[in-house]
């Protein structure tokens, strides 16, 4: 009986560790929502520049999103930037 208890004391934390490791290292991806696709298809409409790149070592694809500075900011964006600047935080 003691062998079973000791085995469980050792095996349960190890199995929890491997389960948690799988969740952290390769989490399940959230499916692309329609509003995500809309923004990806029309970045100019949302004042964005989107460029695709790959990481240097692993060649993992990613999208780099920047603000399109050629168009004026929306009133909401101006308000958010004003609130952030009042918090003494640097943004570009």
PDB file of N, CA and C in Angstrom:
ATOM      1  N   UNK A   1       0.823  -1.205   0.000  1.00  0.00           N
ATOM      2  CA  UNK A   1       0.000   0.000   0.000  1.00  0.00           C
ATOM      3  C   UNK A   1       0.863   1.262   0.000  1.00  0.00           C
ATOM      4  N   UNK A   2       1.948   1.236   0.794  1.00  0.00           N
ATOM      5  CA  UNK A   2       2.831   2.393   0.849  1.00  0.00           C
ATOM      6  C   UNK A   2       3.510   2.621  -0.498  1.00  0.00           C
ATOM      7  N   UNK A   3       3.839   1.552  -1.208  1.00  0.00           N
ATOM      8  CA  UNK A   3       4.478   1.697  -2.513  1.00  0.00           C
ATOM      9  C   UNK A   3       3.549   2.421  -3.494  1.00  0.00           C
ATOM     10  N   UNK A   4       2.281   2.106  -3.430  1.00  0.00           N
ATOM     11  CA  UNK A   4       1.303   2.750  -4.314  1.00  0.00           C
ATOM     12  C   UNK A   4       1.190   4.235  -3.983  1.00  0.00           C
ATOM     13  N   UNK A   5       1.131   4.556  -2.715  1.00  0.00           N
ATOM     14  CA  UNK A   5       1.022   5.958  -2.302  1.00  0.00           C
ATOM     15  C   UNK A   5       2.272   6.735  -2.713  1.00  0.00           C
ATOM     16  N   UNK A   6       3.447   6.165  -2.466  1.00  0.00           N
ATOM     17  CA  UNK A   6       4.688   6.828  -2.860  1.00  0.00           C
ATOM     18  C   UNK A   6       4.774   6.978  -4.378  1.00  0.00           C
ATOM     19  N   UNK A   7       4.331   5.978  -5.082  1.00  0.00           N
ATOM     20  CA  UNK A   7       4.331   6.066  -6.543  1.00  0.00           C
ATOM     21  C   UNK A   7       3.416   7.190  -7.026  1.00  0.00           C
ATOM     22  N   UNK A   8       2.247   7.300  -6.408  1.00  0.00           N
ATOM     23  CA  UNK A   8       1.314   8.365  -6.778  1.00  0.00           C
ATOM     24  C   UNK A   8       1.883   9.738  -6.430  1.00  0.00           C
ATOM     25  N   UNK A   9       2.541   9.834  -5.276  1.00  0.00           N
ATOM     26  CA  UNK A   9       3.137  11.104  -4.860  1.00  0.00           C
ATOM     27  C   UNK A   9       4.196  11.546  -5.877  1.00  0.00           C
ATOM     28  N   UNK A  10       4.882  10.618  -6.464  1.00  0.00           N
ATOM     29  CA  UNK A  10       5.910  10.949  -7.452  1.00  0.00           C
ATOM     30  C   UNK A  10       5.305  11.141  -8.839  1.00  0.00           C
ATOM     31  N   UNK A  11       4.386  10.283  -9.241  1.00  0.00           N
ATOM     32  CA  UNK A  11       3.861  10.320 -10.611  1.00  0.00           C
ATOM     33  C   UNK A  11       2.894  11.482 -10.872  1.00  0.00           C
ATOM     34  N   UNK A  12       2.090  11.833  -9.896  1.00  0.00           N
ATOM     35  CA  UNK A  12       1.108  12.904 -10.112  1.00  0.00           C
ATOM     36  C   UNK A  12       1.795  14.245 -10.396  1.00  0.00           C
ATOM     37  N   UNK A  13       2.772  14.685  -9.583  1.00  0.00           N
ATOM     38  CA  UNK A  13       3.436  15.956  -9.932  1.00  0.00           C
ATOM     39  C   UNK A  13       4.178  15.909 -11.277  1.00  0.00           C
ATOM     40  N   UNK A  14       4.765  14.773 -11.593  1.00  0.00           N
ATOM     41  CA  UNK A  14       5.469  14.652 -12.876  1.00  0.00           C
ATOM     42  C   UNK A  14       4.482  14.761 -14.029  1.00  0.00           C
ATOM     43  N   UNK A  15       3.345  14.106 -13.928  1.00  0.00           N
ATOM     44  CA  UNK A  15       2.356  14.182 -15.000  1.00  0.00           C
ATOM     45  C   UNK A  15       1.769  15.589 -15.101  1.00  0.00           C
ATOM     46  N   UNK A  16       1.558  16.249 -13.980  1.00  0.00           N
ATOM     47  CA  UNK A  16       1.068  17.632 -14.008  1.00  0.00           C
ATOM     48  C   UNK A  16       2.101  18.537 -14.673  1.00  0.00           C
ATOM     49  N   UNK A  17       3.366  18.320 -14.354  1.00  0.00           N
ATOM     50  CA  UNK A  17       4.436  19.121 -14.959  1.00  0.00           C
ATOM     51  C   UNK A  17       4.430  18.979 -16.481  1.00  0.00           C
ATOM     52  N   UNK A  18       4.353  17.756 -16.990  1.00  0.00           N
ATOM     53  CA  UNK A  18       4.384  17.554 -18.438  1.00  0.00           C
ATOM     54  C   UNK A  18       3.128  18.103 -19.109  1.00  0.00           C
ATOM     55  N   UNK A  19       1.992  18.005 -18.439  1.00  0.00           N
ATOM     56  CA  UNK A  19       0.755  18.565 -18.983  1.00  0.00           C
ATOM     57  C   UNK A  19       0.860  20.093 -19.065  1.00  0.00           C
ATOM     58  N   UNK A  20       1.334  20.725 -17.993  1.00  0.00           N
ATOM     59  CA  UNK A  20       1.474  22.184 -17.971  1.00  0.00           C
ATOM     60  C   UNK A  20       2.513  22.631 -18.995  1.00  0.00           C
ATOM     61  N   UNK A  21       3.579  21.875 -19.132  1.00  0.00           N
ATOM     62  CA  UNK A  21       4.617  22.211 -20.090  1.00  0.00           C
ATOM     63  C   UNK A  21       4.042  22.225 -21.506  1.00  0.00           C
ATOM     64  N   UNK A  22       3.213  21.284 -21.826  1.00  0.00           N
ATOM     65  CA  UNK A  22       2.597  21.221 -23.158  1.00  0.00           C
ATOM     66  C   UNK A  22       1.700  22.437 -23.393  1.00  0.00           C
ATOM     67  N   UNK A  23       0.975  22.859 -22.362  1.00  0.00           N
ATOM     68  CA  UNK A  23       0.112  24.031 -22.503  1.00  0.00           C
ATOM     69  C   UNK A  23       0.916  25.310 -22.699  1.00  0.00           C
ATOM     70  N   UNK A  24       2.057  25.410 -22.049  1.00  0.00           N
ATOM     71  CA  UNK A  24       2.869  26.618 -22.133  1.00  0.00           C
ATOM     72  C   UNK A  24       3.662  26.656 -23.437  1.00  0.00           C
ATOM     73  N   UNK A  25       4.285  25.539 -23.794  1.00  0.00           N
ATOM     74  CA  UNK A  25       5.153  25.507 -24.970  1.00  0.00           C
ATOM     75  C   UNK A  25       4.352  25.554 -26.262  1.00  0.00           C
ATOM     76  N   UNK A  26       3.275  24.804 -26.355  1.00  0.00           N
ATOM     77  CA  UNK A  26       2.459  24.841 -27.563  1.00  0.00           C
ATOM     78  C   UNK A  26       0.990  24.989 -27.194  1.00  0.00           C
ATOM     79  N   UNK A  27       0.592  26.212 -26.882  1.00  0.00           N
ATOM     80  CA  UNK A  27      -0.816  26.425 -26.530  1.00  0.00           C
ATOM     81  C   UNK A  27      -1.717  26.262 -27.743  1.00  0.00           C
ATOM     82  N   UNK A  28      -2.968  25.981 -27.492  1.00  0.00           N
ATOM     83  CA  UNK A  28      -3.936  25.872 -28.585  1.00  0.00           C
ATOM     84  C   UNK A  28      -4.148  27.259 -29.178  1.00  0.00           C
ATOM     85  N   UNK A  29      -4.166  27.334 -30.473  1.00  0.00           N
ATOM     86  CA  UNK A  29      -4.344  28.603 -31.167  1.00  0.00           C
ATOM     87  C   UNK A  29      -5.823  28.958 -31.218  1.00  0.00           C
ATOM     88  N   UNK A  30      -6.097  30.225 -30.999  1.00  0.00           N
ATOM     89  CA  UNK A  30      -7.460  30.716 -31.129  1.00  0.00           C
ATOM     90  C   UNK A  30      -7.783  30.830 -32.612  1.00  0.00           C
ATOM     91  N   UNK A  31      -8.948  30.391 -33.028  1.00  0.00           N
ATOM     92  CA  UNK A  31      -9.274  30.505 -34.455  1.00  0.00           C
ATOM     93  C   UNK A  31      -9.409  31.965 -34.874  1.00  0.00           C
ATOM     94  N   UNK A  32      -9.124  32.226 -36.137  1.00  0.00           N
ATOM     95  CA  UNK A  32      -9.221  33.569 -36.682  1.00  0.00           C
ATOM     96  C   UNK A  32     -10.683  33.995 -36.732  1.00  0.00           C
ATOM     97  N   UNK A  33     -10.985  35.089 -36.065  1.00  0.00           N
ATOM     98  CA  UNK A  33     -12.353  35.621 -36.041  1.00  0.00           C
ATOM     99  C   UNK A  33     -12.601  36.451 -37.303  1.00  0.00           C
ATOM    100  N   UNK A  34     -13.867  36.646 -37.676  1.00  0.00           N
ATOM    101  CA  UNK A  34     -14.152  37.443 -38.882  1.00  0.00           C
ATOM    102  C   UNK A  34     -13.598  38.872 -38.809  1.00  0.00           C
ATOM    103  N   UNK A  35     -13.639  39.490 -37.617  1.00  0.00           N
ATOM    104  CA  UNK A  35     -13.126  40.852 -37.524  1.00  0.00           C
ATOM    105  C   UNK A  35     -11.604  40.893 -37.644  1.00  0.00           C
ATOM    106  N   UNK A  36     -10.914  39.800 -37.273  1.00  0.00           N
ATOM    107  CA  UNK A  36      -9.467  39.721 -37.498  1.00  0.00           C
ATOM    108  C   UNK A  36      -9.183  39.711 -38.998  1.00  0.00           C
ATOM    109  N   UNK A  37      -9.909  38.873 -39.704  1.00  0.00           N
ATOM    110  CA  UNK A  37      -9.708  38.749 -41.145  1.00  0.00           C
ATOM    111  C   UNK A  37     -10.018  40.059 -41.850  1.00  0.00           C
ATOM    112  N   UNK A  38     -11.040  40.763 -41.375  1.00  0.00           N
ATOM    113  CA  UNK A  38     -11.407  42.046 -41.976  1.00  0.00           C
ATOM    114  C   UNK A  38     -10.257  43.044 -41.845  1.00  0.00           C
ATOM    115  N   UNK A  39      -9.607  43.080 -40.692  1.00  0.00           N
ATOM    116  CA  UNK A  39      -8.484  43.992 -40.483  1.00  0.00           C
ATOM    117  C   UNK A  39      -7.268  43.572 -41.308  1.00  0.00           C
ATOM    118  N   UNK A  40      -7.049  42.273 -41.426  1.00  0.00           N
ATOM    119  CA  UNK A  40      -5.919  41.795 -42.229  1.00  0.00           C
ATOM    120  C   UNK A  40      -6.126  42.071 -43.718  1.00  0.00           C
ATOM    121  N   UNK A  41      -7.369  41.998 -44.159  1.00  0.00           N
ATOM    122  CA  UNK A  41      -7.665  42.237 -45.574  1.00  0.00           C
ATOM    123  C   UNK A  41      -7.646  43.721 -45.936  1.00  0.00           C
ATOM    124  N   UNK A  42      -7.966  44.597 -44.972  1.00  0.00           N
ATOM    125  CA  UNK A  42      -8.048  46.038 -45.234  1.00  0.00           C
ATOM    126  C   UNK A  42      -7.231  46.837 -44.211  1.00  0.00           C
ATOM    127  N   UNK A  43      -5.915  46.679 -44.187  1.00  0.00           N
ATOM    128  CA  UNK A  43      -5.130  47.374 -43.154  1.00  0.00           C
ATOM    129  C   UNK A  43      -5.158  48.897 -43.294  1.00  0.00           C
ATOM    130  N   UNK A  44      -5.247  49.401 -44.507  1.00  0.00           N
ATOM    131  CA  UNK A  44      -5.266  50.857 -44.715  1.00  0.00           C
ATOM    132  C   UNK A  44      -6.507  51.477 -44.078  1.00  0.00           C
ATOM    133  N   UNK A  45      -7.610  50.758 -44.122  1.00  0.00           N
ATOM    134  CA  UNK A  45      -8.862  51.243 -43.543  1.00  0.00           C
ATOM    135  C   UNK A  45      -8.737  51.400 -42.022  1.00  0.00           C
ATOM    136  N   UNK A  46      -7.851  50.617 -41.415  1.00  0.00           N
ATOM    137  CA  UNK A  46      -7.672  50.655 -39.960  1.00  0.00           C
ATOM    138  C   UNK A  46      -6.365  51.355 -39.564  1.00  0.00           C
ATOM    139  N   UNK A  47      -5.790  52.140 -40.493  1.00  0.00           N
ATOM    140  CA  UNK A  47      -4.574  52.907 -40.219  1.00  0.00           C
ATOM    141  C   UNK A  47      -3.392  52.018 -39.835  1.00  0.00           C
ATOM    142  N   UNK A  48      -3.258  50.873 -40.484  1.00  0.00           N
ATOM    143  CA  UNK A  48      -2.195  49.944 -40.137  1.00  0.00           C
ATOM    144  C   UNK A  48      -1.340  49.624 -41.357  1.00  0.00           C
ATOM    145  N   UNK A  49      -0.077  49.339 -41.090  1.00  0.00           N
ATOM    146  CA  UNK A  49       0.818  48.743 -42.082  1.00  0.00           C
ATOM    147  C   UNK A  49       1.152  47.352 -41.569  1.00  0.00           C
ATOM    148  N   UNK A  50       0.969  46.345 -42.389  1.00  0.00           N
ATOM    149  CA  UNK A  50       1.242  44.974 -41.986  1.00  0.00           C
ATOM    150  C   UNK A  50       2.297  44.395 -42.917  1.00  0.00           C
ATOM    151  N   UNK A  51       3.373  43.889 -42.320  1.00  0.00           N
ATOM    152  CA  UNK A  51       4.402  43.225 -43.119  1.00  0.00           C
ATOM    153  C   UNK A  51       4.697  41.861 -42.511  1.00  0.00           C
ATOM    154  N   UNK A  52       4.926  40.886 -43.355  1.00  0.00           N
ATOM    155  CA  UNK A  52       5.206  39.535 -42.860  1.00  0.00           C
ATOM    156  C   UNK A  52       6.706  39.296 -42.834  1.00  0.00           C
ATOM    157  N   UNK A  53       7.145  38.608 -41.806  1.00  0.00           N
ATOM    158  CA  UNK A  53       8.561  38.316 -41.605  1.00  0.00           C
ATOM    159  C   UNK A  53       8.719  36.894 -41.069  1.00  0.00           C
ATOM    160  N   UNK A  54       9.960  36.464 -40.957  1.00  0.00           N
ATOM    161  CA  UNK A  54      10.285  35.177 -40.353  1.00  0.00           C
ATOM    162  C   UNK A  54      11.351  35.394 -39.293  1.00  0.00           C
ATOM    163  N   UNK A  55      11.278  34.638 -38.197  1.00  0.00           N
ATOM    164  CA  UNK A  55      12.334  34.734 -37.194  1.00  0.00           C
ATOM    165  C   UNK A  55      13.626  34.221 -37.806  1.00  0.00           C
ATOM    166  N   UNK A  56      14.734  34.731 -37.310  1.00  0.00           N
ATOM    167  CA  UNK A  56      16.032  34.435 -37.906  1.00  0.00           C
ATOM    168  C   UNK A  56      16.430  32.978 -37.750  1.00  0.00           C
ATOM    169  N   UNK A  57      16.322  32.473 -36.553  1.00  0.00           N
ATOM    170  CA  UNK A  57      16.843  31.131 -36.295  1.00  0.00           C
ATOM    171  C   UNK A  57      15.851  30.026 -36.671  1.00  0.00           C
ATOM    172  N   UNK A  58      14.597  30.150 -36.224  1.00  0.00           N
ATOM    173  CA  UNK A  58      13.629  29.058 -36.415  1.00  0.00           C
ATOM    174  C   UNK A  58      12.772  29.209 -37.659  1.00  0.00           C
ATOM    175  N   UNK A  59      12.845  30.358 -38.331  1.00  0.00           N
ATOM    176  CA  UNK A  59      12.021  30.638 -39.511  1.00  0.00           C
ATOM    177  C   UNK A  59      10.527  30.505 -39.226  1.00  0.00           C
ATOM    178  N   UNK A  60      10.118  31.052 -38.096  1.00  0.00           N
ATOM    179  CA  UNK A  60       8.703  31.055 -37.717  1.00  0.00           C
ATOM    180  C   UNK A  60       8.075  32.321 -38.289  1.00  0.00           C
ATOM    181  N   UNK A  61       6.965  32.190 -39.018  1.00  0.00           N
ATOM    182  CA  UNK A  61       6.362  33.391 -39.603  1.00  0.00           C
ATOM    183  C   UNK A  61       5.630  34.229 -38.554  1.00  0.00           C
ATOM    184  N   UNK A  62       5.683  35.551 -38.750  1.00  0.00           N
ATOM    185  CA  UNK A  62       4.926  36.453 -37.889  1.00  0.00           C
ATOM    186  C   UNK A  62       4.575  37.707 -38.681  1.00  0.00           C
ATOM    187  N   UNK A  63       3.566  38.422 -38.209  1.00  0.00           N
ATOM    188  CA  UNK A  63       3.157  39.673 -38.829  1.00  0.00           C
ATOM    189  C   UNK A  63       3.601  40.825 -37.942  1.00  0.00           C
ATOM    190  N   UNK A  64       4.188  41.849 -38.547  1.00  0.00           N
ATOM    191  CA  UNK A  64       4.615  43.031 -37.826  1.00  0.00           C
ATOM    192  C   UNK A  64       3.651  44.156 -38.196  1.00  0.00           C
ATOM    193  N   UNK A  65       2.936  44.682 -37.211  1.00  0.00           N
ATOM    194  CA  UNK A  65       1.906  45.695 -37.452  1.00  0.00           C
ATOM    195  C   UNK A  65       2.388  47.027 -36.900  1.00  0.00           C
ATOM    196  N   UNK A  66       2.355  48.056 -37.738  1.00  0.00           N
ATOM    197  CA  UNK A  66       2.725  49.407 -37.315  1.00  0.00           C
ATOM    198  C   UNK A  66       1.615  50.376 -37.692  1.00  0.00           C
ATOM    199  N   UNK A  67       1.639  51.520 -37.050  1.00  0.00           N
ATOM    200  CA  UNK A  67       0.659  52.562 -37.323  1.00  0.00           C
ATOM    201  C   UNK A  67       1.008  53.256 -38.635  1.00  0.00           C
ATOM    202  N   UNK A  68       0.020  53.471 -39.459  1.00  0.00           N
ATOM    203  CA  UNK A  68       0.206  54.204 -40.711  1.00  0.00           C
ATOM    204  C   UNK A  68       0.173  55.692 -40.378  1.00  0.00           C
ATOM    205  N   UNK A  69       1.330  56.341 -40.418  1.00  0.00           N
ATOM    206  CA  UNK A  69       1.423  57.733 -39.995  1.00  0.00           C
ATOM    207  C   UNK A  69       1.023  58.720 -41.086  1.00  0.00           C
ATOM    208  N   UNK A  70       0.706  58.245 -42.275  1.00  0.00           N
ATOM    209  CA  UNK A  70       0.323  59.162 -43.355  1.00  0.00           C
ATOM    210  C   UNK A  70      -1.120  59.625 -43.206  1.00  0.00           C
ATOM    211  N   UNK A  71      -1.920  58.904 -42.446  1.00  0.00           N
ATOM    212  CA  UNK A  71      -3.315  59.272 -42.254  1.00  0.00           C
ATOM    213  C   UNK A  71      -3.497  59.862 -40.857  1.00  0.00           C
ATOM    214  N   UNK A  72      -4.454  60.778 -40.695  1.00  0.00           N
ATOM    215  CA  UNK A  72      -4.671  61.367 -39.366  1.00  0.00           C
ATOM    216  C   UNK A  72      -5.229  60.335 -38.388  1.00  0.00           C
ATOM    217  N   UNK A  73      -4.947  60.552 -37.114  1.00  0.00           N
ATOM    218  CA  UNK A  73      -5.438  59.646 -36.076  1.00  0.00           C
ATOM    219  C   UNK A  73      -6.924  59.870 -35.839  1.00  0.00           C
ATOM    220  N   UNK A  74      -7.604  58.798 -35.451  1.00  0.00           N
ATOM    221  CA  UNK A  74      -9.022  58.926 -35.113  1.00  0.00           C
ATOM    222  C   UNK A  74      -9.148  59.632 -33.758  1.00  0.00           C
ATOM    223  N   UNK A  75     -10.353  60.082 -33.442  1.00  0.00           N
ATOM    224  CA  UNK A  75     -10.558  60.775 -32.157  1.00  0.00           C
ATOM    225  C   UNK A  75     -10.294  59.834 -30.983  1.00  0.00           C
ATOM    226  N   UNK A  76     -10.628  58.571 -31.148  1.00  0.00           N
ATOM    227  CA  UNK A  76     -10.372  57.593 -30.085  1.00  0.00           C
ATOM    228  C   UNK A  76      -8.863  57.407 -29.880  1.00  0.00           C
ATOM    229  N   UNK A  77      -8.110  57.321 -30.980  1.00  0.00           N
ATOM    230  CA  UNK A  77      -6.665  57.158 -30.879  1.00  0.00           C
ATOM    231  C   UNK A  77      -6.023  58.385 -30.241  1.00  0.00           C
ATOM    232  N   UNK A  78      -6.508  59.561 -30.583  1.00  0.00           N
ATOM    233  CA  UNK A  78      -5.985  60.792 -29.982  1.00  0.00           C
ATOM    234  C   UNK A  78      -6.243  60.798 -28.486  1.00  0.00           C
ATOM    235  N   UNK A  79      -7.444  60.386 -28.089  1.00  0.00           N
ATOM    236  CA  UNK A  79      -7.799  60.356 -26.665  1.00  0.00           C
ATOM    237  C   UNK A  79      -6.926  59.353 -25.907  1.00  0.00           C
ATOM    238  N   UNK A  80      -6.727  58.175 -26.480  1.00  0.00           N
ATOM    239  CA  UNK A  80      -5.900  57.149 -25.834  1.00  0.00           C
ATOM    240  C   UNK A  80      -4.470  57.646 -25.685  1.00  0.00           C
ATOM    241  N   UNK A  81      -3.916  58.246 -26.731  1.00  0.00           N
ATOM    242  CA  UNK A  81      -2.550  58.765 -26.670  1.00  0.00           C
ATOM    243  C   UNK A  81      -2.435  59.879 -25.627  1.00  0.00           C
ATOM    244  N   UNK A  82      -3.453  60.707 -25.523  1.00  0.00           N
ATOM    245  CA  UNK A  82      -3.437  61.788 -24.533  1.00  0.00           C
ATOM    246  C   UNK A  82      -3.443  61.199 -23.118  1.00  0.00           C
ATOM    247  N   UNK A  83      -4.284  60.190 -22.886  1.00  0.00           N
ATOM    248  CA  UNK A  83      -4.341  59.568 -21.565  1.00  0.00           C
ATOM    249  C   UNK A  83      -3.022  58.886 -21.212  1.00  0.00           C
ATOM    250  N   UNK A  84      -2.401  58.241 -22.173  1.00  0.00           N
ATOM    251  CA  UNK A  84      -1.118  57.578 -21.915  1.00  0.00           C
ATOM    252  C   UNK A  84      -0.032  58.605 -21.634  1.00  0.00           C
ATOM    253  N   UNK A  85      -0.028  59.703 -22.384  1.00  0.00           N
ATOM    254  CA  UNK A  85       1.002  60.722 -22.153  1.00  0.00           C
ATOM    255  C   UNK A  85       0.820  61.367 -20.776  1.00  0.00           C
ATOM    256  N   UNK A  86      -0.404  61.442 -20.294  1.00  0.00           N
ATOM    257  CA  UNK A  86      -0.636  61.985 -18.951  1.00  0.00           C
ATOM    258  C   UNK A  86      -0.112  61.042 -17.866  1.00  0.00           C
ATOM    259  N   UNK A  87       0.070  59.772 -18.208  1.00  0.00           N
ATOM    260  CA  UNK A  87       0.614  58.802 -17.250  1.00  0.00           C
ATOM    261  C   UNK A  87       2.134  58.776 -17.294  1.00  0.00           C
ATOM    262  N   UNK A  88       2.760  59.704 -18.022  1.00  0.00           N
ATOM    263  CA  UNK A  88       4.208  59.778 -18.151  1.00  0.00           C
ATOM    264  C   UNK A  88       4.808  58.512 -18.769  1.00  0.00           C
ATOM    265  N   UNK A  89       4.168  58.006 -19.811  1.00  0.00           N
ATOM    266  CA  UNK A  89       4.642  56.829 -20.523  1.00  0.00           C
ATOM    267  C   UNK A  89       5.026  57.245 -21.929  1.00  0.00           C
ATOM    268  N   UNK A  90       6.147  56.773 -22.417  1.00  0.00           N
ATOM    269  CA  UNK A  90       6.584  57.125 -23.773  1.00  0.00           C
ATOM    270  C   UNK A  90       5.968  56.182 -24.787  1.00  0.00           C
ATOM    271  N   UNK A  91       5.335  56.758 -25.798  1.00  0.00           N
ATOM    272  CA  UNK A  91       4.836  55.985 -26.944  1.00  0.00           C
ATOM    273  C   UNK A  91       5.280  56.685 -28.208  1.00  0.00           C
ATOM    274  N   UNK A  92       5.318  55.946 -29.289  1.00  0.00           N
ATOM    275  CA  UNK A  92       5.725  56.527 -30.563  1.00  0.00           C
ATOM    276  C   UNK A  92       4.650  56.344 -31.571  1.00  0.00           C
TER     277      UNK A  92
END
